Every structure is written in C-alpha cells, then in structure tokens.
Amino acid sequence: MNKVDILCDKDRILMEDFSRLSLIRMSSHTTLLGSLPFFSTYQDTNVKKEVDKDRLIIREAARAFEAGRPVCDLDLEDIFEKTKEVDKVFLNKLLIAPFTLSVRYSDFADIRIQRIWLISRTVYALLAHWPEGGSFIDAVRNAYPEKKFKDVLAEILHLYNEETRMLSKSIRHLGPFRSVVGTYTDALYRSMEDVKEDITRSAVQRIFGDKTVYA
C-alpha cells in the first residue's frame, strides 16, 4: 500500500470509529430515532459520504504535493466543487418520502473549505516528513509534536461536526416529524462533540504513547 492509500485508509478507520462511537453515545437518548427508516439510512450513508469526500481531498492534495506545488497554491474552490459530486451520491440515497433534502451550500461553504484546507495542509506535512521505508507513525512523529497533532485532529473532526449539523438542518417538508429531526440533529451533534475528545486522545496515544512501537 502506498503512502496516499495509507492516509486514506487511516482516515476511513478514524471516521468509521468516530461515527460508530457517536451513535452509541447518542442511542441512549434517542432510541426511537434508530427505528425510523430515514435515520437508519442517514446513519449508514453519511459516514460513507464523508470517507469518500476525505479520500478525494487527500488525493487532490497528494497529487499537488507530488507535482511540487506549494500548499498555498491549492485551488480550494475547485476541490470544494468536486466534493459536491460526492454529496449528490449521498443525497440520491436519501430520497425517502416524506423527506426532502435541499442543500444550501452557502450555509456551510466556509466551514467545508476550512476543512479542505486543514486536511490538505496535514497531507502535505505528513508526506514531507515521511521517510522512504518509514511508517505512518514515523511521518506523524516527524511532522508534529504530540499536542499539535491532537489539536489538528480535533479541529478536523469539529469542522465535520459543524457541517453535519448544518447539513442535517437542510431537511425540509417534515410535517409532524420536524421535532423528531430536531431532536436527532441536536443529539447527534452533542454526541459527536463529546466523542471527538475521546477519539483524538485515543489516536494520539496509539501514535505517541509508546515511542518504540511502529505500525
């Protein structure tokens, strides 16, 4: 597996664990929601959408890095436009009556672009500090002090949480389900913010906790 594939795989594992733990944290407060068809579909597809979007961002940043372009020259707007294609696949899977999803990108464009920028800078930093024959852990330890890496992970996840909350609020024409959707959105966001601290701490511990173990 090459370096870019490793970065994509590490991101996928992180996001899947993050989603799973967030839903577990939320379930004790919103048991009813898991039984509704829309929410079970939403929960399953949202994280897949995010993994696909992150993969796109990672590959675009890595391609620019390998071409020798400085990170400041990345066309963030172009990458943003490409992420909309991932959204279209996601939305097509959620065409479930009586719900209608209408995404207003103006609501969260700035947040998504911030996240694209942060992921791209992280890709550049890791690839620049990744020795030939070295591991992902080598790259992280070379590129970041422990606290800085934890802060970067936490901010990437926080921006994802903010965007997810805004995307959830794009659901329209809910009739009697409006209050249920509001409960779901608020509970999901609180759970994700809580779990963000746990999962970043765990990830950092795996990388920096034992200075002699490489994986």
N, C-alpha and C. Protein backbone atom coordinates (compact mmCIF):
# COMPACT_ATOMS: atom_id res chain seq x y z
N MET A 1 0.85 -1.19 0.00
CA MET A 1 0.00 0.00 0.00
C MET A 1 0.89 1.25 0.00
N ASN A 2 0.66 2.18 -0.94
CA ASN A 2 1.48 3.38 -0.98
C ASN A 2 1.04 4.39 0.08
N LYS A 3 1.79 5.49 0.19
CA LYS A 3 1.56 6.44 1.27
C LYS A 3 0.16 7.06 1.19
N VAL A 4 -0.28 7.39 0.00
CA VAL A 4 -1.60 8.02 -0.14
C VAL A 4 -2.70 7.04 0.23
N ASP A 5 -2.56 5.80 -0.20
CA ASP A 5 -3.55 4.79 0.19
C ASP A 5 -3.58 4.59 1.70
N ILE A 6 -2.41 4.64 2.34
CA ILE A 6 -2.35 4.52 3.79
C ILE A 6 -3.09 5.68 4.46
N LEU A 7 -2.88 6.90 3.96
CA LEU A 7 -3.58 8.06 4.53
C LEU A 7 -5.09 7.91 4.38
N CYS A 8 -5.54 7.47 3.22
CA CYS A 8 -6.97 7.26 3.00
C CYS A 8 -7.52 6.19 3.94
N ASP A 9 -6.75 5.13 4.12
CA ASP A 9 -7.20 4.04 4.99
C ASP A 9 -7.25 4.48 6.45
N LYS A 10 -6.25 5.23 6.89
CA LYS A 10 -6.25 5.74 8.26
C LYS A 10 -7.45 6.66 8.48
N ASP A 11 -7.76 7.49 7.50
CA ASP A 11 -8.91 8.38 7.61
C ASP A 11 -10.20 7.58 7.69
N ARG A 12 -10.32 6.54 6.85
CA ARG A 12 -11.54 5.71 6.86
C ARG A 12 -11.75 5.06 8.22
N ILE A 13 -10.70 4.50 8.78
CA ILE A 13 -10.82 3.85 10.09
C ILE A 13 -11.22 4.86 11.15
N LEU A 14 -10.59 6.04 11.12
CA LEU A 14 -10.92 7.08 12.10
C LEU A 14 -12.38 7.50 12.00
N MET A 15 -12.85 7.75 10.77
CA MET A 15 -14.21 8.24 10.59
C MET A 15 -15.24 7.17 10.92
N GLU A 16 -14.97 5.92 10.57
CA GLU A 16 -15.91 4.85 10.90
C GLU A 16 -15.99 4.65 12.41
N ASP A 17 -14.85 4.68 13.09
CA ASP A 17 -14.86 4.57 14.56
C ASP A 17 -15.58 5.75 15.19
N PHE A 18 -15.32 6.93 14.65
CA PHE A 18 -15.95 8.14 15.17
C PHE A 18 -17.47 8.07 15.04
N SER A 19 -17.95 7.65 13.88
CA SER A 19 -19.38 7.53 13.66
C SER A 19 -20.00 6.48 14.58
N ARG A 20 -19.35 5.31 14.66
CA ARG A 20 -19.88 4.22 15.49
C ARG A 20 -19.97 4.65 16.96
N LEU A 21 -18.93 5.26 17.47
CA LEU A 21 -18.94 5.67 18.88
C LEU A 21 -19.93 6.80 19.14
N SER A 22 -20.08 7.70 18.17
CA SER A 22 -21.05 8.79 18.32
C SER A 22 -22.47 8.26 18.38
N LEU A 23 -22.79 7.28 17.53
CA LEU A 23 -24.13 6.71 17.51
C LEU A 23 -24.41 5.92 18.78
N ILE A 24 -23.39 5.23 19.30
CA ILE A 24 -23.57 4.53 20.56
C ILE A 24 -23.86 5.52 21.68
N ARG A 25 -23.08 6.63 21.69
CA ARG A 25 -23.27 7.65 22.71
C ARG A 25 -24.67 8.28 22.60
N MET A 26 -25.14 8.45 21.39
CA MET A 26 -26.43 9.11 21.18
C MET A 26 -27.61 8.18 21.46
N SER A 27 -27.45 6.87 21.25
CA SER A 27 -28.58 5.95 21.24
C SER A 27 -29.35 5.91 22.56
N SER A 28 -28.67 6.13 23.67
CA SER A 28 -29.35 6.07 24.95
C SER A 28 -30.33 7.22 25.13
N HIS A 29 -30.14 8.30 24.33
CA HIS A 29 -31.02 9.46 24.44
C HIS A 29 -32.08 9.50 23.34
N THR A 30 -31.86 8.77 22.25
CA THR A 30 -32.76 8.89 21.10
C THR A 30 -33.08 7.50 20.54
N THR A 31 -33.53 6.61 21.37
CA THR A 31 -33.78 5.23 20.97
C THR A 31 -34.77 5.15 19.82
N LEU A 32 -35.79 5.96 19.84
CA LEU A 32 -36.84 5.92 18.82
C LEU A 32 -36.29 6.17 17.42
N LEU A 33 -35.31 7.08 17.32
CA LEU A 33 -34.86 7.51 16.02
C LEU A 33 -34.22 6.39 15.20
N GLY A 34 -33.53 5.49 15.87
CA GLY A 34 -32.87 4.41 15.15
C GLY A 34 -33.83 3.48 14.45
N SER A 35 -35.09 3.49 14.86
CA SER A 35 -36.07 2.60 14.25
C SER A 35 -36.76 3.23 13.04
N LEU A 36 -36.53 4.51 12.78
CA LEU A 36 -37.15 5.18 11.64
C LEU A 36 -36.31 4.96 10.39
N PRO A 37 -36.93 4.60 9.25
CA PRO A 37 -36.18 4.28 8.04
C PRO A 37 -35.22 5.38 7.60
N PHE A 38 -35.66 6.62 7.67
CA PHE A 38 -34.79 7.70 7.21
C PHE A 38 -33.49 7.75 8.01
N PHE A 39 -33.60 7.65 9.34
CA PHE A 39 -32.41 7.81 10.17
C PHE A 39 -31.45 6.63 10.05
N SER A 40 -31.99 5.43 9.90
CA SER A 40 -31.10 4.29 9.71
C SER A 40 -30.33 4.43 8.41
N THR A 41 -31.00 4.94 7.35
CA THR A 41 -30.32 5.18 6.08
C THR A 41 -29.31 6.31 6.21
N TYR A 42 -29.71 7.37 6.87
CA TYR A 42 -28.83 8.52 7.05
C TYR A 42 -27.55 8.12 7.78
N GLN A 43 -27.69 7.37 8.86
CA GLN A 43 -26.54 6.98 9.66
C GLN A 43 -25.56 6.14 8.86
N ASP A 44 -26.10 5.29 8.02
CA ASP A 44 -25.25 4.38 7.25
C ASP A 44 -24.52 5.09 6.12
N THR A 45 -25.18 6.03 5.47
CA THR A 45 -24.61 6.66 4.28
C THR A 45 -23.78 7.91 4.59
N ASN A 46 -24.06 8.59 5.69
CA ASN A 46 -23.37 9.84 5.96
C ASN A 46 -21.87 9.63 6.16
N VAL A 47 -21.51 8.60 6.92
CA VAL A 47 -20.08 8.37 7.15
C VAL A 47 -19.40 7.90 5.87
N LYS A 48 -20.10 7.10 5.04
CA LYS A 48 -19.51 6.68 3.77
C LYS A 48 -19.27 7.89 2.87
N LYS A 49 -20.20 8.82 2.91
CA LYS A 49 -20.05 10.06 2.15
C LYS A 49 -18.82 10.82 2.61
N GLU A 50 -18.65 10.91 3.91
CA GLU A 50 -17.52 11.68 4.44
C GLU A 50 -16.19 11.01 4.10
N VAL A 51 -16.14 9.69 4.19
CA VAL A 51 -14.91 8.98 3.83
C VAL A 51 -14.58 9.20 2.35
N ASP A 52 -15.58 9.14 1.48
CA ASP A 52 -15.36 9.38 0.05
C ASP A 52 -14.88 10.81 -0.20
N LYS A 53 -15.45 11.75 0.53
CA LYS A 53 -15.07 13.15 0.37
C LYS A 53 -13.64 13.38 0.85
N ASP A 54 -13.30 12.80 1.98
CA ASP A 54 -11.94 12.93 2.51
C ASP A 54 -10.93 12.29 1.56
N ARG A 55 -11.30 11.14 0.97
CA ARG A 55 -10.40 10.48 0.03
C ARG A 55 -10.11 11.40 -1.16
N LEU A 56 -11.15 12.05 -1.64
CA LEU A 56 -10.98 13.00 -2.75
C LEU A 56 -10.01 14.11 -2.35
N ILE A 57 -10.20 14.68 -1.17
CA ILE A 57 -9.35 15.79 -0.71
C ILE A 57 -7.91 15.32 -0.54
N ILE A 58 -7.73 14.17 0.09
CA ILE A 58 -6.38 13.63 0.31
C ILE A 58 -5.67 13.41 -1.02
N ARG A 59 -6.37 12.83 -1.98
CA ARG A 59 -5.74 12.53 -3.28
C ARG A 59 -5.43 13.81 -4.05
N GLU A 60 -6.31 14.80 -3.98
CA GLU A 60 -6.05 16.07 -4.66
C GLU A 60 -4.82 16.75 -4.05
N ALA A 61 -4.73 16.76 -2.72
CA ALA A 61 -3.59 17.39 -2.05
C ALA A 61 -2.30 16.63 -2.35
N ALA A 62 -2.36 15.29 -2.32
CA ALA A 62 -1.17 14.49 -2.59
C ALA A 62 -0.70 14.67 -4.03
N ARG A 63 -1.64 14.78 -4.96
CA ARG A 63 -1.27 14.98 -6.36
C ARG A 63 -0.53 16.32 -6.53
N ALA A 64 -1.01 17.34 -5.84
CA ALA A 64 -0.36 18.65 -5.91
C ALA A 64 1.02 18.61 -5.25
N PHE A 65 1.11 17.91 -4.12
CA PHE A 65 2.39 17.78 -3.43
C PHE A 65 3.42 17.09 -4.31
N GLU A 66 3.00 15.99 -4.94
CA GLU A 66 3.92 15.23 -5.79
C GLU A 66 4.32 16.00 -7.04
N ALA A 67 3.48 16.95 -7.45
CA ALA A 67 3.80 17.80 -8.59
C ALA A 67 4.69 18.97 -8.20
N GLY A 68 4.99 19.11 -6.92
CA GLY A 68 5.86 20.18 -6.45
C GLY A 68 5.17 21.50 -6.22
N ARG A 69 3.85 21.50 -6.20
CA ARG A 69 3.12 22.75 -5.96
C ARG A 69 3.06 23.02 -4.46
N PRO A 70 3.32 24.26 -4.03
CA PRO A 70 3.18 24.58 -2.60
C PRO A 70 1.73 24.51 -2.17
N VAL A 71 1.50 24.20 -0.91
CA VAL A 71 0.13 24.03 -0.42
C VAL A 71 -0.68 25.31 -0.59
N CYS A 72 -0.02 26.46 -0.51
CA CYS A 72 -0.74 27.73 -0.64
C CYS A 72 -1.30 27.95 -2.04
N ASP A 73 -0.82 27.15 -3.02
CA ASP A 73 -1.32 27.28 -4.39
C ASP A 73 -2.50 26.35 -4.69
N LEU A 74 -2.93 25.56 -3.71
CA LEU A 74 -4.07 24.68 -3.94
C LEU A 74 -5.32 25.50 -4.26
N ASP A 75 -6.08 25.02 -5.22
CA ASP A 75 -7.34 25.67 -5.58
C ASP A 75 -8.45 25.06 -4.72
N LEU A 76 -8.68 25.67 -3.56
CA LEU A 76 -9.64 25.12 -2.61
C LEU A 76 -11.06 25.17 -3.16
N GLU A 77 -11.36 26.19 -3.94
CA GLU A 77 -12.70 26.30 -4.53
C GLU A 77 -12.95 25.16 -5.51
N ASP A 78 -11.92 24.80 -6.27
CA ASP A 78 -12.06 23.70 -7.23
C ASP A 78 -12.31 22.38 -6.49
N ILE A 79 -11.55 22.14 -5.42
CA ILE A 79 -11.76 20.92 -4.64
C ILE A 79 -13.16 20.94 -4.02
N PHE A 80 -13.58 22.10 -3.53
CA PHE A 80 -14.92 22.24 -2.97
C PHE A 80 -15.98 21.84 -3.99
N GLU A 81 -15.84 22.31 -5.22
CA GLU A 81 -16.81 21.97 -6.26
C GLU A 81 -16.82 20.46 -6.52
N LYS A 82 -15.67 19.82 -6.47
CA LYS A 82 -15.60 18.37 -6.69
C LYS A 82 -16.29 17.61 -5.55
N THR A 83 -16.23 18.14 -4.33
CA THR A 83 -16.89 17.45 -3.22
C THR A 83 -18.41 17.45 -3.39
N LYS A 84 -18.94 18.37 -4.16
CA LYS A 84 -20.39 18.39 -4.37
C LYS A 84 -20.86 17.15 -5.11
N GLU A 85 -20.00 16.58 -5.95
CA GLU A 85 -20.38 15.36 -6.66
C GLU A 85 -20.55 14.21 -5.67
N VAL A 86 -19.73 14.18 -4.63
CA VAL A 86 -19.89 13.17 -3.59
C VAL A 86 -21.22 13.38 -2.87
N ASP A 87 -21.56 14.64 -2.62
CA ASP A 87 -22.83 14.96 -1.97
C ASP A 87 -24.02 14.47 -2.78
N LYS A 88 -23.92 14.59 -4.10
CA LYS A 88 -25.04 14.17 -4.95
C LYS A 88 -25.34 12.69 -4.78
N VAL A 89 -24.30 11.88 -4.69
CA VAL A 89 -24.50 10.44 -4.48
C VAL A 89 -25.17 10.21 -3.13
N PHE A 90 -24.71 10.93 -2.13
CA PHE A 90 -25.27 10.83 -0.79
C PHE A 90 -26.76 11.21 -0.78
N LEU A 91 -27.09 12.31 -1.40
CA LEU A 91 -28.47 12.79 -1.40
C LEU A 91 -29.39 11.85 -2.17
N ASN A 92 -28.89 11.29 -3.26
CA ASN A 92 -29.71 10.37 -4.04
C ASN A 92 -30.12 9.14 -3.25
N LYS A 93 -29.31 8.77 -2.27
CA LYS A 93 -29.62 7.62 -1.43
C LYS A 93 -30.62 7.96 -0.33
N LEU A 94 -30.93 9.24 -0.18
CA LEU A 94 -31.82 9.67 0.90
C LEU A 94 -33.15 10.20 0.39
N LEU A 95 -33.50 9.82 -0.81
CA LEU A 95 -34.78 10.25 -1.36
C LEU A 95 -35.88 9.34 -0.83
N ILE A 96 -36.26 9.60 0.43
CA ILE A 96 -37.23 8.77 1.13
C ILE A 96 -38.42 9.64 1.54
N ALA A 97 -39.60 9.33 1.06
CA ALA A 97 -40.78 10.09 1.46
C ALA A 97 -41.00 9.92 2.97
N PRO A 98 -41.47 10.99 3.67
CA PRO A 98 -41.87 12.30 3.18
C PRO A 98 -40.78 13.34 3.29
N PHE A 99 -39.50 12.93 3.27
CA PHE A 99 -38.41 13.85 3.47
C PHE A 99 -37.90 14.41 2.14
N THR A 100 -37.55 15.69 2.16
CA THR A 100 -36.93 16.33 1.02
C THR A 100 -35.67 17.03 1.50
N LEU A 101 -34.54 16.74 0.87
CA LEU A 101 -33.29 17.37 1.24
C LEU A 101 -32.93 18.42 0.21
N SER A 102 -32.71 19.61 0.68
CA SER A 102 -32.30 20.71 -0.17
C SER A 102 -31.07 21.34 0.46
N VAL A 103 -29.93 21.14 -0.16
CA VAL A 103 -28.68 21.61 0.43
C VAL A 103 -28.39 23.04 -0.01
N ARG A 104 -28.26 23.92 0.95
CA ARG A 104 -27.86 25.30 0.69
C ARG A 104 -26.38 25.41 1.04
N TYR A 105 -25.52 25.35 0.04
CA TYR A 105 -24.09 25.35 0.30
C TYR A 105 -23.62 26.65 0.94
N SER A 106 -24.35 27.71 0.73
CA SER A 106 -23.96 28.98 1.36
C SER A 106 -23.98 28.88 2.88
N ASP A 107 -24.78 27.92 3.41
CA ASP A 107 -24.86 27.77 4.87
C ASP A 107 -23.55 27.27 5.47
N PHE A 108 -22.80 26.44 4.72
CA PHE A 108 -21.61 25.84 5.32
C PHE A 108 -20.40 25.79 4.39
N ALA A 109 -20.42 26.57 3.31
CA ALA A 109 -19.29 26.56 2.38
C ALA A 109 -17.99 26.94 3.08
N ASP A 110 -18.03 27.96 3.92
CA ASP A 110 -16.81 28.40 4.60
C ASP A 110 -16.25 27.30 5.49
N ILE A 111 -17.13 26.58 6.19
CA ILE A 111 -16.68 25.51 7.07
C ILE A 111 -16.05 24.38 6.27
N ARG A 112 -16.69 24.00 5.16
CA ARG A 112 -16.12 22.92 4.34
C ARG A 112 -14.77 23.32 3.76
N ILE A 113 -14.66 24.55 3.30
CA ILE A 113 -13.39 24.99 2.72
C ILE A 113 -12.30 25.03 3.79
N GLN A 114 -12.66 25.44 5.01
CA GLN A 114 -11.69 25.39 6.11
C GLN A 114 -11.21 23.96 6.33
N ARG A 115 -12.13 23.01 6.26
CA ARG A 115 -11.76 21.62 6.49
C ARG A 115 -10.90 21.07 5.35
N ILE A 116 -11.24 21.43 4.11
CA ILE A 116 -10.42 21.05 2.97
C ILE A 116 -9.00 21.58 3.15
N TRP A 117 -8.88 22.83 3.57
CA TRP A 117 -7.58 23.45 3.77
C TRP A 117 -6.79 22.74 4.88
N LEU A 118 -7.44 22.42 5.97
CA LEU A 118 -6.76 21.78 7.09
C LEU A 118 -6.31 20.36 6.74
N ILE A 119 -7.20 19.59 6.07
CA ILE A 119 -6.80 18.24 5.64
C ILE A 119 -5.64 18.32 4.64
N SER A 120 -5.71 19.26 3.72
CA SER A 120 -4.66 19.39 2.70
C SER A 120 -3.32 19.75 3.34
N ARG A 121 -3.32 20.68 4.28
CA ARG A 121 -2.08 21.03 4.97
C ARG A 121 -1.51 19.83 5.73
N THR A 122 -2.40 19.04 6.32
CA THR A 122 -1.96 17.85 7.05
C THR A 122 -1.34 16.83 6.11
N VAL A 123 -1.95 16.63 4.95
CA VAL A 123 -1.39 15.72 3.95
C VAL A 123 0.00 16.17 3.53
N TYR A 124 0.14 17.46 3.26
CA TYR A 124 1.45 18.00 2.88
C TYR A 124 2.48 17.75 3.98
N ALA A 125 2.10 18.06 5.23
CA ALA A 125 3.04 17.91 6.35
C ALA A 125 3.48 16.46 6.50
N LEU A 126 2.55 15.54 6.39
CA LEU A 126 2.88 14.12 6.57
C LEU A 126 3.75 13.61 5.43
N LEU A 127 3.39 13.94 4.19
CA LEU A 127 4.18 13.46 3.06
C LEU A 127 5.59 14.05 3.06
N ALA A 128 5.69 15.29 3.51
CA ALA A 128 7.00 15.95 3.56
C ALA A 128 7.92 15.35 4.62
N HIS A 129 7.34 14.70 5.62
CA HIS A 129 8.13 14.16 6.73
C HIS A 129 8.08 12.63 6.78
N TRP A 130 7.69 12.02 5.68
CA TRP A 130 7.53 10.57 5.64
C TRP A 130 8.75 9.95 4.98
N PRO A 131 9.66 9.36 5.74
CA PRO A 131 10.89 8.81 5.15
C PRO A 131 10.59 7.57 4.31
N GLU A 132 11.41 7.36 3.30
CA GLU A 132 11.25 6.16 2.49
C GLU A 132 11.45 4.93 3.37
N GLY A 133 10.53 4.00 3.26
CA GLY A 133 10.58 2.80 4.09
C GLY A 133 10.02 3.00 5.48
N GLY A 134 9.62 4.24 5.80
CA GLY A 134 9.07 4.53 7.11
C GLY A 134 7.57 4.28 7.16
N SER A 135 7.01 4.38 8.36
CA SER A 135 5.60 4.11 8.58
C SER A 135 4.80 5.41 8.73
N PHE A 136 3.49 5.25 8.78
CA PHE A 136 2.61 6.38 9.07
C PHE A 136 2.98 7.01 10.41
N ILE A 137 3.27 6.19 11.38
CA ILE A 137 3.64 6.71 12.70
C ILE A 137 4.93 7.51 12.62
N ASP A 138 5.90 7.05 11.83
CA ASP A 138 7.12 7.82 11.61
C ASP A 138 6.78 9.22 11.08
N ALA A 139 5.90 9.25 10.08
CA ALA A 139 5.54 10.52 9.45
C ALA A 139 4.89 11.47 10.45
N VAL A 140 3.96 10.96 11.25
CA VAL A 140 3.27 11.82 12.22
C VAL A 140 4.26 12.35 13.26
N ARG A 141 5.08 11.46 13.79
CA ARG A 141 6.05 11.88 14.82
C ARG A 141 7.06 12.87 14.29
N ASN A 142 7.44 12.73 13.02
CA ASN A 142 8.38 13.67 12.42
C ASN A 142 7.73 15.03 12.14
N ALA A 143 6.43 15.01 11.78
CA ALA A 143 5.76 16.23 11.33
C ALA A 143 5.19 17.07 12.46
N TYR A 144 4.79 16.41 13.57
CA TYR A 144 4.04 17.13 14.60
C TYR A 144 4.52 16.79 16.01
N PRO A 145 4.53 17.78 16.90
CA PRO A 145 4.57 17.46 18.33
C PRO A 145 3.23 16.84 18.73
N GLU A 146 3.22 16.11 19.81
CA GLU A 146 2.01 15.38 20.21
C GLU A 146 0.79 16.27 20.35
N LYS A 147 0.92 17.38 21.08
CA LYS A 147 -0.24 18.25 21.32
C LYS A 147 -0.74 18.87 20.02
N LYS A 148 0.18 19.25 19.14
CA LYS A 148 -0.23 19.87 17.88
C LYS A 148 -1.03 18.89 17.04
N PHE A 149 -0.58 17.63 16.98
CA PHE A 149 -1.31 16.65 16.18
C PHE A 149 -2.70 16.41 16.75
N LYS A 150 -2.80 16.34 18.08
CA LYS A 150 -4.11 16.18 18.71
C LYS A 150 -5.02 17.36 18.37
N ASP A 151 -4.47 18.57 18.41
CA ASP A 151 -5.27 19.76 18.09
C ASP A 151 -5.74 19.73 16.63
N VAL A 152 -4.88 19.27 15.72
CA VAL A 152 -5.25 19.20 14.31
C VAL A 152 -6.38 18.20 14.10
N LEU A 153 -6.25 17.01 14.68
CA LEU A 153 -7.31 16.00 14.56
C LEU A 153 -8.62 16.51 15.13
N ALA A 154 -8.55 17.13 16.30
CA ALA A 154 -9.76 17.63 16.96
C ALA A 154 -10.45 18.69 16.10
N GLU A 155 -9.67 19.57 15.48
CA GLU A 155 -10.26 20.63 14.66
C GLU A 155 -10.88 20.06 13.39
N ILE A 156 -10.23 19.07 12.77
CA ILE A 156 -10.80 18.43 11.57
C ILE A 156 -12.15 17.81 11.91
N LEU A 157 -12.22 17.11 13.03
CA LEU A 157 -13.47 16.47 13.44
C LEU A 157 -14.51 17.51 13.83
N HIS A 158 -14.10 18.57 14.49
CA HIS A 158 -15.05 19.61 14.89
C HIS A 158 -15.69 20.27 13.66
N LEU A 159 -14.88 20.55 12.65
CA LEU A 159 -15.43 21.14 11.42
C LEU A 159 -16.40 20.17 10.75
N TYR A 160 -16.08 18.88 10.78
CA TYR A 160 -17.00 17.87 10.26
C TYR A 160 -18.31 17.88 11.05
N ASN A 161 -18.22 17.99 12.37
CA ASN A 161 -19.42 18.03 13.20
C ASN A 161 -20.29 19.23 12.85
N GLU A 162 -19.66 20.38 12.68
CA GLU A 162 -20.41 21.59 12.35
C GLU A 162 -21.11 21.45 11.00
N GLU A 163 -20.39 20.91 10.03
CA GLU A 163 -21.01 20.74 8.71
C GLU A 163 -22.15 19.73 8.75
N THR A 164 -21.96 18.64 9.50
CA THR A 164 -23.02 17.62 9.60
C THR A 164 -24.27 18.21 10.22
N ARG A 165 -24.09 19.04 11.23
CA ARG A 165 -25.25 19.67 11.87
C ARG A 165 -25.99 20.56 10.86
N MET A 166 -25.25 21.33 10.09
CA MET A 166 -25.89 22.23 9.13
C MET A 166 -26.54 21.46 8.00
N LEU A 167 -25.88 20.38 7.56
CA LEU A 167 -26.48 19.55 6.50
C LEU A 167 -27.78 18.92 6.99
N SER A 168 -27.78 18.46 8.24
CA SER A 168 -29.00 17.86 8.80
C SER A 168 -30.14 18.85 8.81
N LYS A 169 -29.83 20.11 9.04
CA LYS A 169 -30.87 21.13 9.09
C LYS A 169 -31.36 21.53 7.70
N SER A 170 -30.76 20.94 6.65
CA SER A 170 -31.24 21.18 5.29
C SER A 170 -32.48 20.36 4.97
N ILE A 171 -32.84 19.42 5.83
CA ILE A 171 -34.03 18.59 5.60
C ILE A 171 -35.28 19.47 5.66
N ARG A 172 -36.14 19.35 4.67
CA ARG A 172 -37.33 20.20 4.59
C ARG A 172 -38.59 19.34 4.44
N HIS A 173 -39.76 19.99 4.66
CA HIS A 173 -41.07 19.38 4.44
C HIS A 173 -41.26 18.14 5.31
N LEU A 174 -41.05 18.30 6.60
CA LEU A 174 -41.10 17.16 7.51
C LEU A 174 -42.45 16.96 8.19
N GLY A 175 -43.30 17.98 8.15
CA GLY A 175 -44.61 17.87 8.80
C GLY A 175 -44.46 17.50 10.27
N PRO A 176 -45.13 16.45 10.71
CA PRO A 176 -45.10 16.08 12.13
C PRO A 176 -43.73 15.55 12.60
N PHE A 177 -42.84 15.29 11.66
CA PHE A 177 -41.53 14.75 12.03
C PHE A 177 -40.51 15.85 12.35
N ARG A 178 -40.90 17.11 12.20
CA ARG A 178 -39.93 18.20 12.38
C ARG A 178 -39.27 18.16 13.75
N SER A 179 -40.05 17.98 14.80
CA SER A 179 -39.47 17.98 16.14
C SER A 179 -38.56 16.78 16.36
N VAL A 180 -38.91 15.64 15.73
CA VAL A 180 -38.07 14.44 15.85
C VAL A 180 -36.72 14.68 15.17
N VAL A 181 -36.74 15.29 14.00
CA VAL A 181 -35.50 15.59 13.29
C VAL A 181 -34.64 16.56 14.10
N GLY A 182 -35.29 17.55 14.70
CA GLY A 182 -34.56 18.50 15.53
C GLY A 182 -33.88 17.81 16.70
N THR A 183 -34.59 16.87 17.32
CA THR A 183 -34.02 16.11 18.43
C THR A 183 -32.83 15.29 17.96
N TYR A 184 -32.98 14.64 16.81
CA TYR A 184 -31.89 13.82 16.25
C TYR A 184 -30.66 14.68 15.97
N THR A 185 -30.86 15.80 15.29
CA THR A 185 -29.74 16.67 14.92
C THR A 185 -28.98 17.16 16.14
N ASP A 186 -29.71 17.62 17.14
CA ASP A 186 -29.07 18.15 18.35
C ASP A 186 -28.34 17.05 19.12
N ALA A 187 -28.98 15.88 19.22
CA ALA A 187 -28.36 14.78 19.96
C ALA A 187 -27.11 14.27 19.24
N LEU A 188 -27.17 14.18 17.92
CA LEU A 188 -26.03 13.72 17.15
C LEU A 188 -24.85 14.67 17.31
N TYR A 189 -25.12 15.96 17.22
CA TYR A 189 -24.04 16.94 17.34
C TYR A 189 -23.39 16.87 18.72
N ARG A 190 -24.19 16.81 19.78
CA ARG A 190 -23.64 16.74 21.13
C ARG A 190 -22.80 15.47 21.31
N SER A 191 -23.29 14.36 20.78
CA SER A 191 -22.55 13.11 20.90
C SER A 191 -21.23 13.17 20.14
N MET A 192 -21.26 13.74 18.94
CA MET A 192 -20.04 13.85 18.14
C MET A 192 -19.01 14.74 18.81
N GLU A 193 -19.45 15.82 19.40
CA GLU A 193 -18.52 16.71 20.09
C GLU A 193 -17.92 16.02 21.31
N ASP A 194 -18.73 15.25 22.02
CA ASP A 194 -18.22 14.51 23.18
C ASP A 194 -17.20 13.45 22.75
N VAL A 195 -17.56 12.69 21.74
CA VAL A 195 -16.71 11.59 21.29
C VAL A 195 -15.42 12.11 20.64
N LYS A 196 -15.48 13.29 20.05
CA LYS A 196 -14.29 13.90 19.43
C LYS A 196 -13.11 13.90 20.39
N GLU A 197 -13.35 14.27 21.63
CA GLU A 197 -12.26 14.32 22.61
C GLU A 197 -11.71 12.92 22.88
N ASP A 198 -12.61 11.96 23.02
CA ASP A 198 -12.17 10.59 23.32
C ASP A 198 -11.36 9.99 22.17
N ILE A 199 -11.84 10.18 20.95
CA ILE A 199 -11.20 9.51 19.83
C ILE A 199 -9.87 10.16 19.45
N THR A 200 -9.76 11.48 19.62
CA THR A 200 -8.47 12.12 19.35
C THR A 200 -7.45 11.72 20.40
N ARG A 201 -7.89 11.63 21.64
CA ARG A 201 -6.98 11.19 22.70
C ARG A 201 -6.47 9.78 22.44
N SER A 202 -7.39 8.90 22.02
CA SER A 202 -7.02 7.51 21.74
C SER A 202 -6.07 7.42 20.56
N ALA A 203 -6.34 8.18 19.50
CA ALA A 203 -5.47 8.15 18.32
C ALA A 203 -4.07 8.64 18.64
N VAL A 204 -3.99 9.71 19.40
CA VAL A 204 -2.69 10.26 19.77
C VAL A 204 -1.93 9.30 20.67
N GLN A 205 -2.65 8.64 21.57
CA GLN A 205 -2.00 7.67 22.45
C GLN A 205 -1.38 6.53 21.65
N ARG A 206 -2.09 6.06 20.62
CA ARG A 206 -1.57 4.96 19.81
C ARG A 206 -0.29 5.37 19.07
N ILE A 207 -0.21 6.64 18.70
CA ILE A 207 0.94 7.11 17.92
C ILE A 207 2.11 7.53 18.80
N PHE A 208 1.81 8.27 19.86
CA PHE A 208 2.88 8.84 20.68
C PHE A 208 3.09 8.14 22.02
N GLY A 209 2.15 7.24 22.38
CA GLY A 209 2.21 6.65 23.71
C GLY A 209 3.39 5.75 23.94
N ASP A 210 3.80 5.03 22.91
CA ASP A 210 4.95 4.13 23.03
C ASP A 210 5.94 4.51 21.94
N LYS A 211 7.01 5.14 22.32
CA LYS A 211 7.97 5.67 21.36
C LYS A 211 8.76 4.57 20.64
N THR A 212 8.57 3.32 21.05
CA THR A 212 9.35 2.24 20.45
C THR A 212 8.54 1.36 19.51
N VAL A 213 7.22 1.57 19.47
CA VAL A 213 6.36 0.71 18.65
C VAL A 213 6.03 1.41 17.35
N TYR A 214 6.24 0.72 16.21
CA TYR A 214 5.95 1.29 14.90
C TYR A 214 4.93 0.43 14.19
N ALA A 215 3.97 1.10 13.49
CA ALA A 215 2.94 0.35 12.77
C ALA A 215 2.55 1.09 11.51
